[in-house]
C-alpha atoms as a PDB file:
ATOM      1  CA  MET A   1      55.668-227.667 -21.834  1.00  0.00           C
ATOM      2  CA  ALA A   2      59.197-227.252 -23.763  1.00  0.00           C
ATOM      3  CA  LEU A   3      62.330-226.276 -21.774  1.00  0.00           C
ATOM      4  CA  LYS A   4      62.715-223.284 -23.642  1.00  0.00           C
ATOM      5  CA  ASP A   5      58.932-222.056 -23.440  1.00  0.00           C
ATOM      6  CA  VAL A   6      59.352-222.652 -19.817  1.00  0.00           C
ATOM      7  CA  LEU A   7      62.642-220.389 -19.895  1.00  0.00           C
ATOM      8  CA  LYS A   8      60.969-217.650 -21.835  1.00  0.00           C
ATOM      9  CA  THR A   9      58.804-217.163 -19.263  1.00  0.00           C
ATOM     10  CA  ALA A  10      61.871-216.334 -16.774  1.00  0.00           C
ATOM     11  CA  SER A  11      62.936-212.927 -15.611  1.00  0.00           C
ATOM     12  CA  PRO A  12      65.721-211.640 -17.753  1.00  0.00           C
ATOM     13  CA  GLU A  13      68.138-211.880 -14.227  1.00  0.00           C
ATOM     14  CA  VAL A  14      66.831-215.540 -13.718  1.00  0.00           C
ATOM     15  CA  LEU A  15      67.118-216.839 -17.430  1.00  0.00           C
ATOM     16  CA  ASN A  16      70.511-215.013 -17.344  1.00  0.00           C
ATOM     17  CA  GLU A  17      72.039-216.713 -14.322  1.00  0.00           C
ATOM     18  CA  ILE A  18      70.423-219.990 -15.794  1.00  0.00           C
ATOM     19  CA  LEU A  19      72.469-219.021 -18.578  1.00  0.00           C
ATOM     20  CA  ARG A  20      75.789-218.576 -16.639  1.00  0.00           C
ATOM     21  CA  GLU A  21      75.520-221.467 -15.061  1.00  0.00           C
ATOM     22  CA  ALA A  22      74.704-223.624 -17.832  1.00  0.00           C
ATOM     23  CA  GLU A  23      78.038-222.265 -19.447  1.00  0.00           C
ATOM     24  CA  SER A  24      79.576-222.758 -16.049  1.00  0.00           C
ATOM     25  CA  ARG A  25      78.504-226.582 -16.118  1.00  0.00           C
ATOM     26  CA  LEU A  26      79.709-227.071 -19.661  1.00  0.00           C
ATOM     27  CA  ALA A  27      82.758-225.491 -19.159  1.00  0.00           C
ATOM     28  CA  ALA A  28      83.330-227.647 -16.202  1.00  0.00           C
ATOM     29  CA  GLN A  29      82.247-230.700 -18.056  1.00  0.00           C
ATOM     30  CA  LEU A  30      85.256-230.605 -20.606  1.00  0.00           C
ATOM     31  CA  THR A  31      87.762-229.702 -17.810  1.00  0.00           C
ATOM     32  CA  THR A  32      86.336-232.869 -16.578  1.00  0.00           C
ATOM     33  CA  ALA A  33      86.610-234.989 -19.900  1.00  0.00           C
ATOM     34  CA  ILE A  34      90.063-233.486 -20.437  1.00  0.00           C
ATOM     35  CA  ALA A  35      91.434-234.825 -17.274  1.00  0.00           C
ATOM     36  CA  ALA A  36      89.580-238.108 -17.609  1.00  0.00           C
ATOM     37  CA  ASP A  37      90.936-238.374 -21.494  1.00  0.00           C
ATOM     38  CA  ALA A  38      94.452-238.228 -19.979  1.00  0.00           C
ATOM     39  CA  ARG A  39      94.044-240.809 -17.476  1.00  0.00           C
ATOM     40  CA  ALA A  40      92.669-243.380 -19.996  1.00  0.00           C
ATOM     41  CA  MET A  41      95.738-242.357 -22.148  1.00  0.00           C
ATOM     42  CA  THR A  42      97.974-242.923 -19.441  1.00  0.00           C
ATOM     43  CA  PHE A  43      96.504-246.001 -18.543  1.00  0.00           C
ATOM     44  CA  LEU A  44      96.264-247.327 -21.683  1.00  0.00           C
ATOM     45  CA  GLY A  45     100.153-246.924 -22.637  1.00  0.00           C
ATOM     46  CA  PHE A  46      99.984-249.031 -19.188  1.00  0.00           C
ATOM     47  CA  VAL A  47      98.621-252.178 -19.753  1.00  0.00           C
ATOM     48  CA  ALA A  48      99.757-251.715 -23.543  1.00  0.00           C
ATOM     49  CA  THR A  49     103.100-251.881 -21.817  1.00  0.00           C
ATOM     50  CA  LEU A  50     102.158-254.795 -19.378  1.00  0.00           C
ATOM     51  CA  ALA A  51     100.567-256.429 -22.638  1.00  0.00           C
ATOM     52  CA  VAL A  52     103.662-256.448 -24.739  1.00  0.00           C
ATOM     53  CA  ALA A  53     106.151-257.460 -22.121  1.00  0.00           C
ATOM     54  CA  SER A  54     103.853-260.115 -21.095  1.00  0.00           C
ATOM     55  CA  LEU A  55     103.463-261.836 -24.557  1.00  0.00           C
ATOM     56  CA  GLY A  56     107.017-261.107 -25.185  1.00  0.00           C
ATOM     57  CA  ALA A  57     108.671-262.807 -21.967  1.00  0.00           C
ATOM     58  CA  SER A  58     106.092-265.718 -23.219  1.00  0.00           C
ATOM     59  CA  LEU A  59     107.572-265.743 -26.701  1.00  0.00           C
ATOM     60  CA  ALA A  60     111.169-266.043 -25.136  1.00  0.00           C
ATOM     61  CA  VAL A  61     110.815-268.905 -23.092  1.00  0.00           C
ATOM     62  CA  VAL A  62     108.090-270.780 -25.022  1.00  0.00           C
ATOM     63  CA  ALA A  63     110.313-273.730 -26.375  1.00  0.00           C
ATOM     64  CA  SER A  64     112.284-274.009 -22.620  1.00  0.00           C
ATOM     65  CA  ASN A  65     108.799-273.911 -20.735  1.00  0.00           C
ATOM     66  CA  GLY A  66     105.698-273.997 -22.087  1.00  0.00           C
ATOM     67  CA  TRP A  67     103.548-273.812 -18.872  1.00  0.00           C
ATOM     68  CA  LEU A  68     105.606-270.820 -17.977  1.00  0.00           C
ATOM     69  CA  ALA A  69     104.673-269.544 -21.619  1.00  0.00           C
ATOM     70  CA  CYS A  70     101.172-270.186 -21.245  1.00  0.00           C
ATOM     71  CA  ILE A  71     100.413-268.048 -18.154  1.00  0.00           C
ATOM     72  CA  GLY A  72     102.216-265.033 -20.096  1.00  0.00           C
ATOM     73  CA  ILE A  73     100.206-265.815 -23.173  1.00  0.00           C
ATOM     74  CA  VAL A  74      97.228-265.655 -20.832  1.00  0.00           C
ATOM     75  CA  VAL A  75      98.517-262.793 -19.013  1.00  0.00           C
ATOM     76  CA  GLY A  76      99.687-260.873 -21.733  1.00  0.00           C
ATOM     77  CA  GLY A  77      95.837-261.861 -23.852  1.00  0.00           C
ATOM     78  CA  ALA A  78      94.015-260.064 -20.561  1.00  0.00           C
ATOM     79  CA  PHE A  79      96.018-257.206 -20.456  1.00  0.00           C
ATOM     80  CA  THR A  80      95.464-256.775 -24.590  1.00  0.00           C
ATOM     81  CA  ALA A  81      91.439-257.138 -23.762  1.00  0.00           C
ATOM     82  CA  ALA A  82      92.311-254.399 -20.982  1.00  0.00           C
ATOM     83  CA  GLY A  83      93.882-252.371 -23.640  1.00  0.00           C
ATOM     84  CA  MET A  84      91.388-251.964 -25.891  1.00  0.00           C
ATOM     85  CA  PHE A  85      89.002-250.763 -22.835  1.00  0.00           C
ATOM     86  CA  ALA A  86      91.187-248.510 -21.996  1.00  0.00           C
ATOM     87  CA  PHE A  87      91.087-247.141 -25.824  1.00  0.00           C
ATOM     88  CA  GLU A  88      87.483-247.322 -25.830  1.00  0.00           C
ATOM     89  CA  ALA A  89      87.705-245.076 -23.014  1.00  0.00           C
ATOM     90  CA  ALA A  90      90.443-242.378 -24.525  1.00  0.00           C
ATOM     91  CA  LYS A  91      89.416-242.274 -28.291  1.00  0.00           C
ATOM     92  CA  PRO A  92      87.710-239.067 -29.260  1.00  0.00           C
ATOM     93  CA  ILE A  93      84.247-239.080 -28.445  1.00  0.00           C
ATOM     94  CA  ASP A  94      81.511-235.541 -29.975  1.00  0.00           C
ATOM     95  CA  PHE A  95      81.435-233.208 -27.039  1.00  0.00           C
ATOM     96  CA  GLN A  96      79.593-230.238 -26.788  1.00  0.00           C
ATOM     97  CA  ALA A  97      81.659-227.127 -25.760  1.00  0.00           C
ATOM     98  CA  PRO A  98      80.283-223.870 -24.609  1.00  0.00           C
ATOM     99  CA  GLY A  99      78.971-221.658 -27.063  1.00  0.00           C
ATOM    100  CA  ASN A 100      77.771-220.866 -30.651  1.00  0.00           C
ATOM    101  CA  ASP A 101      78.826-220.198 -34.057  1.00  0.00           C
ATOM    102  CA  PRO A 102      77.952-216.882 -34.648  1.00  0.00           C
ATOM    103  CA  SER A 103      75.932-218.117 -37.889  1.00  0.00           C
ATOM    104  CA  LEU A 104      73.783-219.861 -36.014  1.00  0.00           C
ATOM    105  CA  TRP A 105      72.066-216.457 -35.249  1.00  0.00           C
ATOM    106  CA  GLU A 106      71.194-216.014 -38.457  1.00  0.00           C
ATOM    107  CA  ALA A 107      67.716-217.016 -38.072  1.00  0.00           C
ATOM    108  CA  ASP A 108      66.778-216.000 -34.815  1.00  0.00           C
ATOM    109  CA  ILE A 109      68.115-212.255 -36.529  1.00  0.00           C
ATOM    110  CA  LEU A 110      66.327-212.737 -39.729  1.00  0.00           C
ATOM    111  CA  ALA A 111      63.037-213.758 -37.716  1.00  0.00           C
ATOM    112  CA  SER A 112      63.308-210.892 -35.006  1.00  0.00           C
ATOM    113  CA  ILE A 113      63.404-213.076 -32.158  1.00  0.00           C
ATOM    114  CA  SER A 114      64.033-211.020 -28.844  1.00  0.00           C
ATOM    115  CA  ALA A 115      67.458-211.261 -27.378  1.00  0.00           C
ATOM    116  CA  HIS A 116      65.234-212.936 -24.202  1.00  0.00           C
ATOM    117  CA  ASN A 117      63.654-215.162 -26.502  1.00  0.00           C
ATOM    118  CA  ALA A 118      66.818-215.903 -27.936  1.00  0.00           C
ATOM    119  CA  ILE A 119      68.702-216.605 -24.696  1.00  0.00           C
ATOM    120  CA  ALA A 120      66.204-218.973 -23.556  1.00  0.00           C
ATOM    121  CA  GLU A 121      66.390-221.211 -26.297  1.00  0.00           C
ATOM    122  CA  GLN A 122      70.569-221.221 -26.155  1.00  0.00           C
ATOM    123  CA  THR A 123      70.171-222.268 -22.648  1.00  0.00           C
ATOM    124  CA  ALA A 124      67.799-225.112 -23.346  1.00  0.00           C
ATOM    125  CA  HIS A 125      70.664-226.015 -26.259  1.00  0.00           C
ATOM    126  CA  TYR A 126      72.753-225.783 -23.371  1.00  0.00           C
ATOM    127  CA  ASP A 127      70.825-228.437 -21.029  1.00  0.00           C
ATOM    128  CA  GLU A 128      70.746-231.055 -24.324  1.00  0.00           C
ATOM    129  CA  MET A 129      74.417-230.359 -24.740  1.00  0.00           C
ATOM    130  CA  LEU A 130      74.758-230.842 -21.150  1.00  0.00           C
ATOM    131  CA  LYS A 131      72.929-234.078 -21.475  1.00  0.00           C
ATOM    132  CA  GLU A 132      75.178-235.712 -24.533  1.00  0.00           C
ATOM    133  CA  ASN A 133      78.188-235.058 -22.707  1.00  0.00           C
ATOM    134  CA  ARG A 134      77.427-236.959 -19.229  1.00  0.00           C
ATOM    135  CA  ALA A 135      76.191-239.577 -21.130  1.00  0.00           C
ATOM    136  CA  ALA A 136      79.682-239.568 -23.289  1.00  0.00           C
ATOM    137  CA  MET A 137      81.302-239.010 -20.157  1.00  0.00           C
ATOM    138  CA  GLU A 138      79.419-242.024 -18.355  1.00  0.00           C
ATOM    139  CA  ALA A 139      80.381-244.311 -21.197  1.00  0.00           C
ATOM    140  CA  SER A 140      84.150-243.507 -21.082  1.00  0.00           C
ATOM    141  CA  ALA A 141      84.033-243.934 -17.513  1.00  0.00           C
ATOM    142  CA  ARG A 142      82.481-247.382 -17.337  1.00  0.00           C
ATOM    143  CA  SER A 143      85.221-248.589 -20.322  1.00  0.00           C
ATOM    144  CA  LEU A 144      87.825-247.398 -17.944  1.00  0.00           C
ATOM    145  CA  THR A 145      86.293-248.867 -15.087  1.00  0.00           C
ATOM    146  CA  VAL A 146      86.421-252.517 -17.051  1.00  0.00           C
ATOM    147  CA  ALA A 147      90.047-251.990 -18.138  1.00  0.00           C
ATOM    148  CA  ALA A 148      90.687-251.589 -14.451  1.00  0.00           C
ATOM    149  CA  GLU A 149      89.094-254.527 -12.980  1.00  0.00           C
ATOM    150  CA  ILE A 150      90.445-256.742 -15.854  1.00  0.00           C
ATOM    151  CA  THR A 151      93.948-255.333 -14.950  1.00  0.00           C
ATOM    152  CA  ARG A 152      93.100-255.754 -11.481  1.00  0.00           C
ATOM    153  CA  TRP A 153      92.194-259.506 -11.445  1.00  0.00           C
ATOM    154  CA  THR A 154      94.803-260.261 -14.476  1.00  0.00           C
ATOM    155  CA  VAL A 155      97.602-259.092 -11.745  1.00  0.00           C
ATOM    156  CA  VAL A 156      95.775-261.894  -9.532  1.00  0.00           C
ATOM    157  CA  GLY A 157      95.153-264.088 -11.709  1.00  0.00           C
ATOM    158  CA  GLY A 158      98.888-263.933 -13.043  1.00  0.00           C
ATOM    159  CA  ALA A 159     100.243-264.134  -9.294  1.00  0.00           C
ATOM    160  CA  VAL A 160      98.302-266.865  -8.358  1.00  0.00           C
ATOM    161  CA  ALA A 161      98.998-268.959 -11.452  1.00  0.00           C
ATOM    162  CA  SER A 162     102.973-268.437 -11.014  1.00  0.00           C
ATOM    163  CA  ALA A 163     102.896-269.237  -7.857  1.00  0.00           C
ATOM    164  CA  CYS A 164     101.499-272.231  -8.422  1.00  0.00           C
ATOM    165  CA  TYR A 165     103.971-272.813 -11.108  1.00  0.00           C
ATOM    166  CA  LEU A 166     106.759-272.326  -8.900  1.00  0.00           C
ATOM    167  CA  ALA A 167     105.077-274.468  -5.959  1.00  0.00           C
ATOM    168  CA  ALA A 168     104.411-277.366  -8.042  1.00  0.00           C
ATOM    169  CA  LYS A 169     108.149-276.891  -9.728  1.00  0.00           C
ATOM    170  CA  HIS A 170     109.621-276.963  -6.644  1.00  0.00           C
ATOM    171  CA  PHE A 171     107.890-280.078  -5.382  1.00  0.00           C
ATOM    172  CA  ALA A 172     108.801-281.606  -8.815  1.00  0.00           C
ATOM    173  CA  PHE A 173     105.176-281.700  -9.840  1.00  0.00           C
ATOM    174  CA  ILE A 174     106.037-280.347 -13.137  1.00  0.00           C
ATOM    175  CA  VAL A 175     109.348-281.430 -14.920  1.00  0.00           C
END
């Protein structure tokens, strides 16, 4: 049995409560998604700055220090990759907001659908919207997590590579 058909059997009080909670959940998802987008945009700006600084510094020293330039290019490239994942997390998505267009009620009115059945159908529609939003938010979260992991390991790898370079230079392994 389809959800809308099950909802049509609910009492008006129960159905209205289900509708209220669905609208509340959609509004909460929207608030959460806006915060997640802001976080992703901030992180994108952060890693983009790191990428430009790393690549710029590498180009500045490429003629005088090939090893250091190589480290910077690899680090800058990794920050660029992290930025690409952060962009995927921050880019606009087709997000389902609560409510609907009044024109969508025309067919129900012309078919003389009862208010109870119309609310049941709207509530079932909200259920689908909630699922679509959840899937979109999870995909964005995965992209931002990948970006953060790339950034974390880039910082670690860059620090280790730089420390190895400095140690090798200090002990005259590199001229």
